Amino acid sequence: MQEFLTIALIHFVAVASPGPDFAIVVRNSVSFGRRAAMYTSIGIGLGILIHVTYSIVGLSVLIKTTPWLYTAISYLAAVYLVYLAVGALKSGPPKAVAEGTQSPVAPSTMTAKKALWIGFLTNGLNPKATLFFLSLFTAFIDVNTPMSVKLGYGIYLAVATGAWFCFLSYLLSTSKVAQLIGSKGYWLDRTMGVLLIGLALKLVWSA
């Protein structure tokens, strides 16, 4: 139980910190609404399973100790983040607002499949998550912990991550928040784009 509580606390601090997952959930919530943000959040939770799988079988150590492989993953992740950032930076005011009218405009649509894949790839390609799970499974989980328990930890981490970002998606899409953002939501979208570019540059710099 003590081991589980330690893992849960460390994970909560990590998942609550701003990063690519946070930025993409905010971006999809503002631009495409609650449904897209929820599917993105589920995709992020599923992406956690990638890190859990290779951490359990020891591949995270290989990734960390093979410089060219870690660098390749970092650059691939950076390219993907820049791709997402470009879309965010291209955001503009809703058509009705741009034309000078005040009628509310529904957010653009994104398919559930695309939103799911965006969340999955954003988390799955994040090399910082690789280091996090490497540390978690080597420093905080006893080597003698049964494999079934480790799998249970992994499932918890995936579900908890998805649940956290679903909660964030819900908060961002409540009526009060939506009214607060209003027709200026595209500026938040652009801000998330800048954050994604910053995260991409950080990946490249530290690769």
C-alpha atoms as a PDB file:
ATOM      1  CA  MET A   1       0.000   0.000   0.000  1.00  0.00           C
ATOM      2  CA  GLN A   2       2.842   2.409   0.838  1.00  0.00           C
ATOM      3  CA  GLU A   3       4.433   1.700  -2.547  1.00  0.00           C
ATOM      4  CA  PHE A   4       1.133   2.359  -4.315  1.00  0.00           C
ATOM      5  CA  LEU A   5       0.520   5.628  -2.437  1.00  0.00           C
ATOM      6  CA  THR A   6       4.038   6.818  -3.316  1.00  0.00           C
ATOM      7  CA  ILE A   7       3.446   6.036  -6.992  1.00  0.00           C
ATOM      8  CA  ALA A   8       0.031   7.711  -6.941  1.00  0.00           C
ATOM      9  CA  LEU A   9       1.427  10.897  -5.373  1.00  0.00           C
ATOM     10  CA  ILE A  10       4.374  11.148  -7.759  1.00  0.00           C
ATOM     11  CA  HIS A  11       2.078  10.519 -10.711  1.00  0.00           C
ATOM     12  CA  PHE A  12      -0.395  13.184  -9.624  1.00  0.00           C
ATOM     13  CA  VAL A  13       2.352  15.804  -9.395  1.00  0.00           C
ATOM     14  CA  ALA A  14       3.668  14.816 -12.818  1.00  0.00           C
ATOM     15  CA  VAL A  15       0.304  14.694 -14.606  1.00  0.00           C
ATOM     16  CA  ALA A  16      -0.809  18.031 -13.122  1.00  0.00           C
ATOM     17  CA  SER A  17       2.316  19.785 -14.427  1.00  0.00           C
ATOM     18  CA  PRO A  18       1.912  21.665 -17.745  1.00  0.00           C
ATOM     19  CA  GLY A  19       3.288  19.702 -20.666  1.00  0.00           C
ATOM     20  CA  PRO A  20       2.332  18.453 -24.148  1.00  0.00           C
ATOM     21  CA  ASP A  21      -0.661  16.500 -22.819  1.00  0.00           C
ATOM     22  CA  PHE A  22      -2.018  19.530 -20.980  1.00  0.00           C
ATOM     23  CA  ALA A  23      -1.474  21.820 -23.961  1.00  0.00           C
ATOM     24  CA  ILE A  24      -3.201  19.544 -26.457  1.00  0.00           C
ATOM     25  CA  VAL A  25      -6.203  18.927 -24.191  1.00  0.00           C
ATOM     26  CA  VAL A  26      -6.660  22.683 -23.684  1.00  0.00           C
ATOM     27  CA  ARG A  27      -6.235  23.285 -27.400  1.00  0.00           C
ATOM     28  CA  ASN A  28      -8.781  20.645 -28.459  1.00  0.00           C
ATOM     29  CA  SER A  29     -11.236  21.707 -25.764  1.00  0.00           C
ATOM     30  CA  VAL A  30     -11.167  25.345 -26.895  1.00  0.00           C
ATOM     31  CA  SER A  31     -11.169  24.608 -30.626  1.00  0.00           C
ATOM     32  CA  PHE A  32     -13.286  21.489 -30.931  1.00  0.00           C
ATOM     33  CA  GLY A  33     -15.359  21.218 -27.764  1.00  0.00           C
ATOM     34  CA  ARG A  34     -15.825  18.784 -24.902  1.00  0.00           C
ATOM     35  CA  ARG A  35     -16.298  15.621 -26.980  1.00  0.00           C
ATOM     36  CA  ALA A  36     -12.990  15.988 -28.842  1.00  0.00           C
ATOM     37  CA  ALA A  37     -11.160  16.887 -25.618  1.00  0.00           C
ATOM     38  CA  MET A  38     -12.589  13.828 -23.854  1.00  0.00           C
ATOM     39  CA  TYR A  39     -11.443  11.488 -26.623  1.00  0.00           C
ATOM     40  CA  THR A  40      -8.050  13.188 -26.610  1.00  0.00           C
ATOM     41  CA  SER A  41      -7.856  12.551 -22.856  1.00  0.00           C
ATOM     42  CA  ILE A  42      -8.708   8.873 -23.341  1.00  0.00           C
ATOM     43  CA  GLY A  43      -5.993   8.661 -25.992  1.00  0.00           C
ATOM     44  CA  ILE A  44      -3.479  10.143 -23.543  1.00  0.00           C
ATOM     45  CA  GLY A  45      -4.454   7.509 -20.980  1.00  0.00           C
ATOM     46  CA  LEU A  46      -3.955   4.752 -23.561  1.00  0.00           C
ATOM     47  CA  GLY A  47      -0.573   6.242 -24.472  1.00  0.00           C
ATOM     48  CA  ILE A  48       0.528   5.661 -20.876  1.00  0.00           C
ATOM     49  CA  LEU A  49       0.244   1.923 -21.519  1.00  0.00           C
ATOM     50  CA  ILE A  50       3.100   2.166 -24.042  1.00  0.00           C
ATOM     51  CA  HIS A  51       5.448   3.531 -21.374  1.00  0.00           C
ATOM     52  CA  VAL A  52       4.200   1.036 -18.796  1.00  0.00           C
ATOM     53  CA  THR A  53       4.770  -1.893 -21.173  1.00  0.00           C
ATOM     54  CA  TYR A  54       8.364  -1.128 -22.076  1.00  0.00           C
ATOM     55  CA  SER A  55       9.167  -0.109 -18.498  1.00  0.00           C
ATOM     56  CA  ILE A  56       7.985  -3.480 -17.203  1.00  0.00           C
ATOM     57  CA  VAL A  57       9.984  -5.458 -19.795  1.00  0.00           C
ATOM     58  CA  GLY A  58      13.052  -3.250 -19.368  1.00  0.00           C
ATOM     59  CA  LEU A  59      13.078  -1.516 -22.755  1.00  0.00           C
ATOM     60  CA  SER A  60      13.053   1.938 -21.130  1.00  0.00           C
ATOM     61  CA  VAL A  61      16.596   1.259 -19.900  1.00  0.00           C
ATOM     62  CA  LEU A  62      17.627   0.386 -23.465  1.00  0.00           C
ATOM     63  CA  ILE A  63      16.075   3.619 -24.785  1.00  0.00           C
ATOM     64  CA  LYS A  64      17.827   5.699 -22.151  1.00  0.00           C
ATOM     65  CA  THR A  65      21.224   4.023 -22.587  1.00  0.00           C
ATOM     66  CA  THR A  66      21.163   4.092 -26.408  1.00  0.00           C
ATOM     67  CA  PRO A  67      21.847   7.767 -27.259  1.00  0.00           C
ATOM     68  CA  TRP A  68      20.875   7.629 -30.940  1.00  0.00           C
ATOM     69  CA  LEU A  69      17.570   5.895 -30.176  1.00  0.00           C
ATOM     70  CA  TYR A  70      16.625   8.398 -27.483  1.00  0.00           C
ATOM     71  CA  THR A  71      17.623  11.288 -29.755  1.00  0.00           C
ATOM     72  CA  ALA A  72      15.572   9.861 -32.630  1.00  0.00           C
ATOM     73  CA  ILE A  73      12.491   9.589 -30.407  1.00  0.00           C
ATOM     74  CA  SER A  74      13.046  13.128 -29.124  1.00  0.00           C
ATOM     75  CA  TYR A  75      13.258  14.577 -32.646  1.00  0.00           C
ATOM     76  CA  LEU A  76      10.219  12.603 -33.801  1.00  0.00           C
ATOM     77  CA  ALA A  77       8.245  13.889 -30.832  1.00  0.00           C
ATOM     78  CA  ALA A  78       9.445  17.454 -31.485  1.00  0.00           C
ATOM     79  CA  VAL A  79       8.328  17.297 -35.129  1.00  0.00           C
ATOM     80  CA  TYR A  80       4.900  16.051 -34.065  1.00  0.00           C
ATOM     81  CA  LEU A  81       4.537  18.808 -31.450  1.00  0.00           C
ATOM     82  CA  VAL A  82       5.469  21.441 -34.042  1.00  0.00           C
ATOM     83  CA  TYR A  83       2.860  19.959 -36.385  1.00  0.00           C
ATOM     84  CA  LEU A  84       0.218  20.346 -33.674  1.00  0.00           C
ATOM     85  CA  ALA A  85       1.493  23.833 -32.832  1.00  0.00           C
ATOM     86  CA  VAL A  86       1.158  25.052 -36.424  1.00  0.00           C
ATOM     87  CA  GLY A  87      -2.502  24.093 -36.419  1.00  0.00           C
ATOM     88  CA  ALA A  88      -3.023  25.951 -33.153  1.00  0.00           C
ATOM     89  CA  LEU A  89      -1.191  29.077 -34.314  1.00  0.00           C
ATOM     90  CA  LYS A  90      -3.373  29.247 -37.425  1.00  0.00           C
ATOM     91  CA  SER A  91      -6.474  29.653 -35.247  1.00  0.00           C
ATOM     92  CA  GLY A  92      -8.446  32.802 -35.864  1.00  0.00           C
ATOM     93  CA  PRO A  93     -11.638  34.393 -34.579  1.00  0.00           C
ATOM     94  CA  PRO A  94     -14.909  32.572 -35.339  1.00  0.00           C
ATOM     95  CA  LYS A  95     -16.314  33.485 -38.719  1.00  0.00           C
ATOM     96  CA  ALA A  96     -19.303  35.329 -37.281  1.00  0.00           C
ATOM     97  CA  VAL A  97     -17.069  37.404 -35.014  1.00  0.00           C
ATOM     98  CA  ALA A  98     -14.658  38.168 -37.821  1.00  0.00           C
ATOM     99  CA  GLU A  99     -17.586  39.448 -39.899  1.00  0.00           C
ATOM    100  CA  GLY A 100     -18.672  41.742 -37.072  1.00  0.00           C
ATOM    101  CA  THR A 101     -21.713  39.812 -35.842  1.00  0.00           C
ATOM    102  CA  GLN A 102     -22.294  38.667 -32.294  1.00  0.00           C
ATOM    103  CA  SER A 103     -24.134  35.408 -32.928  1.00  0.00           C
ATOM    104  CA  PRO A 104     -22.544  32.400 -31.202  1.00  0.00           C
ATOM    105  CA  VAL A 105     -20.643  30.023 -33.417  1.00  0.00           C
ATOM    106  CA  ALA A 106     -20.286  26.321 -32.717  1.00  0.00           C
ATOM    107  CA  PRO A 107     -16.716  25.067 -32.433  1.00  0.00           C
ATOM    108  CA  SER A 108     -15.120  23.274 -35.354  1.00  0.00           C
ATOM    109  CA  THR A 109     -15.520  19.523 -35.367  1.00  0.00           C
ATOM    110  CA  MET A 110     -12.955  16.768 -34.950  1.00  0.00           C
ATOM    111  CA  THR A 111     -13.702  13.070 -35.312  1.00  0.00           C
ATOM    112  CA  ALA A 112     -13.454  10.898 -32.226  1.00  0.00           C
ATOM    113  CA  LYS A 113     -10.848   8.704 -33.951  1.00  0.00           C
ATOM    114  CA  LYS A 114      -8.596  11.649 -34.795  1.00  0.00           C
ATOM    115  CA  ALA A 115      -8.894  13.108 -31.289  1.00  0.00           C
ATOM    116  CA  LEU A 116      -8.057   9.703 -29.793  1.00  0.00           C
ATOM    117  CA  TRP A 117      -4.977   9.318 -31.995  1.00  0.00           C
ATOM    118  CA  ILE A 118      -3.762  12.838 -31.238  1.00  0.00           C
ATOM    119  CA  GLY A 119      -3.879  12.129 -27.509  1.00  0.00           C
ATOM    120  CA  PHE A 120      -2.288   8.698 -27.941  1.00  0.00           C
ATOM    121  CA  LEU A 121       0.602   9.952 -30.077  1.00  0.00           C
ATOM    122  CA  THR A 122       1.183  13.092 -27.989  1.00  0.00           C
ATOM    123  CA  ASN A 123       1.769  10.994 -24.886  1.00  0.00           C
ATOM    124  CA  GLY A 124       3.250   7.912 -26.515  1.00  0.00           C
ATOM    125  CA  LEU A 125       5.968   9.867 -28.347  1.00  0.00           C
ATOM    126  CA  ASN A 126       6.960  11.945 -25.340  1.00  0.00           C
ATOM    127  CA  PRO A 127      10.526  10.920 -24.349  1.00  0.00           C
ATOM    128  CA  LYS A 128      10.141  12.768 -21.053  1.00  0.00           C
ATOM    129  CA  ALA A 129       7.437  10.260 -20.163  1.00  0.00           C
ATOM    130  CA  THR A 130       9.997   7.539 -20.942  1.00  0.00           C
ATOM    131  CA  LEU A 131      12.349   8.983 -18.329  1.00  0.00           C
ATOM    132  CA  PHE A 132       9.515   9.409 -15.833  1.00  0.00           C
ATOM    133  CA  PHE A 133       8.419   5.777 -16.060  1.00  0.00           C
ATOM    134  CA  LEU A 134      12.022   4.590 -16.081  1.00  0.00           C
ATOM    135  CA  SER A 135      12.555   6.392 -12.777  1.00  0.00           C
ATOM    136  CA  LEU A 136       9.232   5.224 -11.406  1.00  0.00           C
ATOM    137  CA  PHE A 137       9.730   1.547 -12.162  1.00  0.00           C
ATOM    138  CA  THR A 138      13.378   1.438 -11.075  1.00  0.00           C
ATOM    139  CA  ALA A 139      13.537   3.781  -8.086  1.00  0.00           C
ATOM    140  CA  PHE A 140      10.124   3.473  -6.475  1.00  0.00           C
ATOM    141  CA  ILE A 141       8.921  -0.027  -7.339  1.00  0.00           C
ATOM    142  CA  ASP A 142      10.717  -2.855  -5.598  1.00  0.00           C
ATOM    143  CA  VAL A 143      12.399  -5.351  -7.908  1.00  0.00           C
ATOM    144  CA  ASN A 144      10.623  -8.165  -6.042  1.00  0.00           C
ATOM    145  CA  THR A 145       7.164  -6.701  -6.639  1.00  0.00           C
ATOM    146  CA  PRO A 146       5.098  -9.351  -8.522  1.00  0.00           C
ATOM    147  CA  MET A 147       4.497  -8.742 -12.225  1.00  0.00           C
ATOM    148  CA  SER A 148       0.729  -8.798 -11.652  1.00  0.00           C
ATOM    149  CA  VAL A 149       1.072  -5.941  -9.164  1.00  0.00           C
ATOM    150  CA  LYS A 150       3.221  -3.959 -11.597  1.00  0.00           C
ATOM    151  CA  LEU A 151       0.559  -4.447 -14.256  1.00  0.00           C
ATOM    152  CA  GLY A 152      -2.012  -3.213 -11.756  1.00  0.00           C
ATOM    153  CA  TYR A 153       0.088  -0.104 -11.176  1.00  0.00           C
ATOM    154  CA  GLY A 154       0.278   0.442 -14.931  1.00  0.00           C
ATOM    155  CA  ILE A 155      -3.461   0.148 -15.415  1.00  0.00           C
ATOM    156  CA  TYR A 156      -4.040   2.554 -12.537  1.00  0.00           C
ATOM    157  CA  LEU A 157      -1.618   5.096 -14.039  1.00  0.00           C
ATOM    158  CA  ALA A 158      -3.357   4.892 -17.426  1.00  0.00           C
ATOM    159  CA  VAL A 159      -6.858   5.218 -15.951  1.00  0.00           C
ATOM    160  CA  ALA A 160      -5.842   7.986 -13.545  1.00  0.00           C
ATOM    161  CA  THR A 161      -4.187   9.962 -16.340  1.00  0.00           C
ATOM    162  CA  GLY A 162      -7.199   9.649 -18.626  1.00  0.00           C
ATOM    163  CA  ALA A 163      -9.559  10.549 -15.776  1.00  0.00           C
ATOM    164  CA  TRP A 164      -7.536  13.644 -14.854  1.00  0.00           C
ATOM    165  CA  PHE A 165      -7.579  15.014 -18.378  1.00  0.00           C
ATOM    166  CA  CYS A 166     -11.261  14.124 -18.832  1.00  0.00           C
ATOM    167  CA  PHE A 167     -11.927  16.176 -15.699  1.00  0.00           C
ATOM    168  CA  LEU A 168      -9.860  19.020 -17.137  1.00  0.00           C
ATOM    169  CA  SER A 169     -11.804  18.736 -20.404  1.00  0.00           C
ATOM    170  CA  TYR A 170     -15.077  18.967 -18.504  1.00  0.00           C
ATOM    171  CA  LEU A 171     -13.962  22.058 -16.580  1.00  0.00           C
ATOM    172  CA  LEU A 172     -12.795  23.824 -19.736  1.00  0.00           C
ATOM    173  CA  SER A 173     -16.086  23.163 -21.501  1.00  0.00           C
ATOM    174  CA  THR A 174     -18.481  24.208 -18.731  1.00  0.00           C
ATOM    175  CA  SER A 175     -20.769  27.085 -19.607  1.00  0.00           C
ATOM    176  CA  LYS A 176     -19.020  29.574 -17.292  1.00  0.00           C
ATOM    177  CA  VAL A 177     -15.566  28.830 -18.691  1.00  0.00           C
ATOM    178  CA  ALA A 178     -16.905  28.852 -22.246  1.00  0.00           C
ATOM    179  CA  GLN A 179     -18.483  32.268 -21.640  1.00  0.00           C
ATOM    180  CA  LEU A 180     -15.247  33.536 -20.095  1.00  0.00           C
ATOM    181  CA  ILE A 181     -13.245  32.419 -23.102  1.00  0.00           C
ATOM    182  CA  GLY A 182     -15.973  33.517 -25.510  1.00  0.00           C
ATOM    183  CA  SER A 183     -14.971  34.784 -28.931  1.00  0.00           C
ATOM    184  CA  LYS A 184     -11.365  35.291 -27.783  1.00  0.00           C
ATOM    185  CA  GLY A 185     -10.738  31.575 -27.334  1.00  0.00           C
ATOM    186  CA  TYR A 186      -8.497  31.509 -30.382  1.00  0.00           C
ATOM    187  CA  TRP A 187      -5.907  33.497 -28.418  1.00  0.00           C
ATOM    188  CA  LEU A 188      -5.764  30.685 -25.856  1.00  0.00           C
ATOM    189  CA  ASP A 189      -5.438  28.276 -28.762  1.00  0.00           C
ATOM    190  CA  ARG A 190      -2.500  30.285 -30.118  1.00  0.00           C
ATOM    191  CA  THR A 191      -0.950  30.405 -26.655  1.00  0.00           C
ATOM    192  CA  MET A 192      -1.089  26.615 -26.513  1.00  0.00           C
ATOM    193  CA  GLY A 193       0.587  26.601 -29.931  1.00  0.00           C
ATOM    194  CA  VAL A 194       3.458  28.691 -28.592  1.00  0.00           C
ATOM    195  CA  LEU A 195       3.715  26.356 -25.578  1.00  0.00           C
ATOM    196  CA  LEU A 196       3.878  23.320 -27.877  1.00  0.00           C
ATOM    197  CA  ILE A 197       6.686  24.918 -29.899  1.00  0.00           C
ATOM    198  CA  GLY A 198       8.535  25.707 -26.665  1.00  0.00           C
ATOM    199  CA  LEU A 199       8.188  22.096 -25.541  1.00  0.00           C
ATOM    200  CA  ALA A 200       9.413  20.890 -28.948  1.00  0.00           C
ATOM    201  CA  LEU A 201      12.490  23.130 -28.730  1.00  0.00           C
ATOM    202  CA  LYS A 202      13.156  21.887 -25.218  1.00  0.00           C
ATOM    203  CA  LEU A 203      13.064  18.288 -26.467  1.00  0.00           C
ATOM    204  CA  VAL A 204      15.528  19.054 -29.250  1.00  0.00           C
ATOM    205  CA  TRP A 205      17.803  21.034 -26.940  1.00  0.00           C
ATOM    206  CA  SER A 206      17.992  18.259 -24.347  1.00  0.00           C
ATOM    207  CA  ALA A 207      18.158  15.375 -26.833  1.00  0.00           C
END
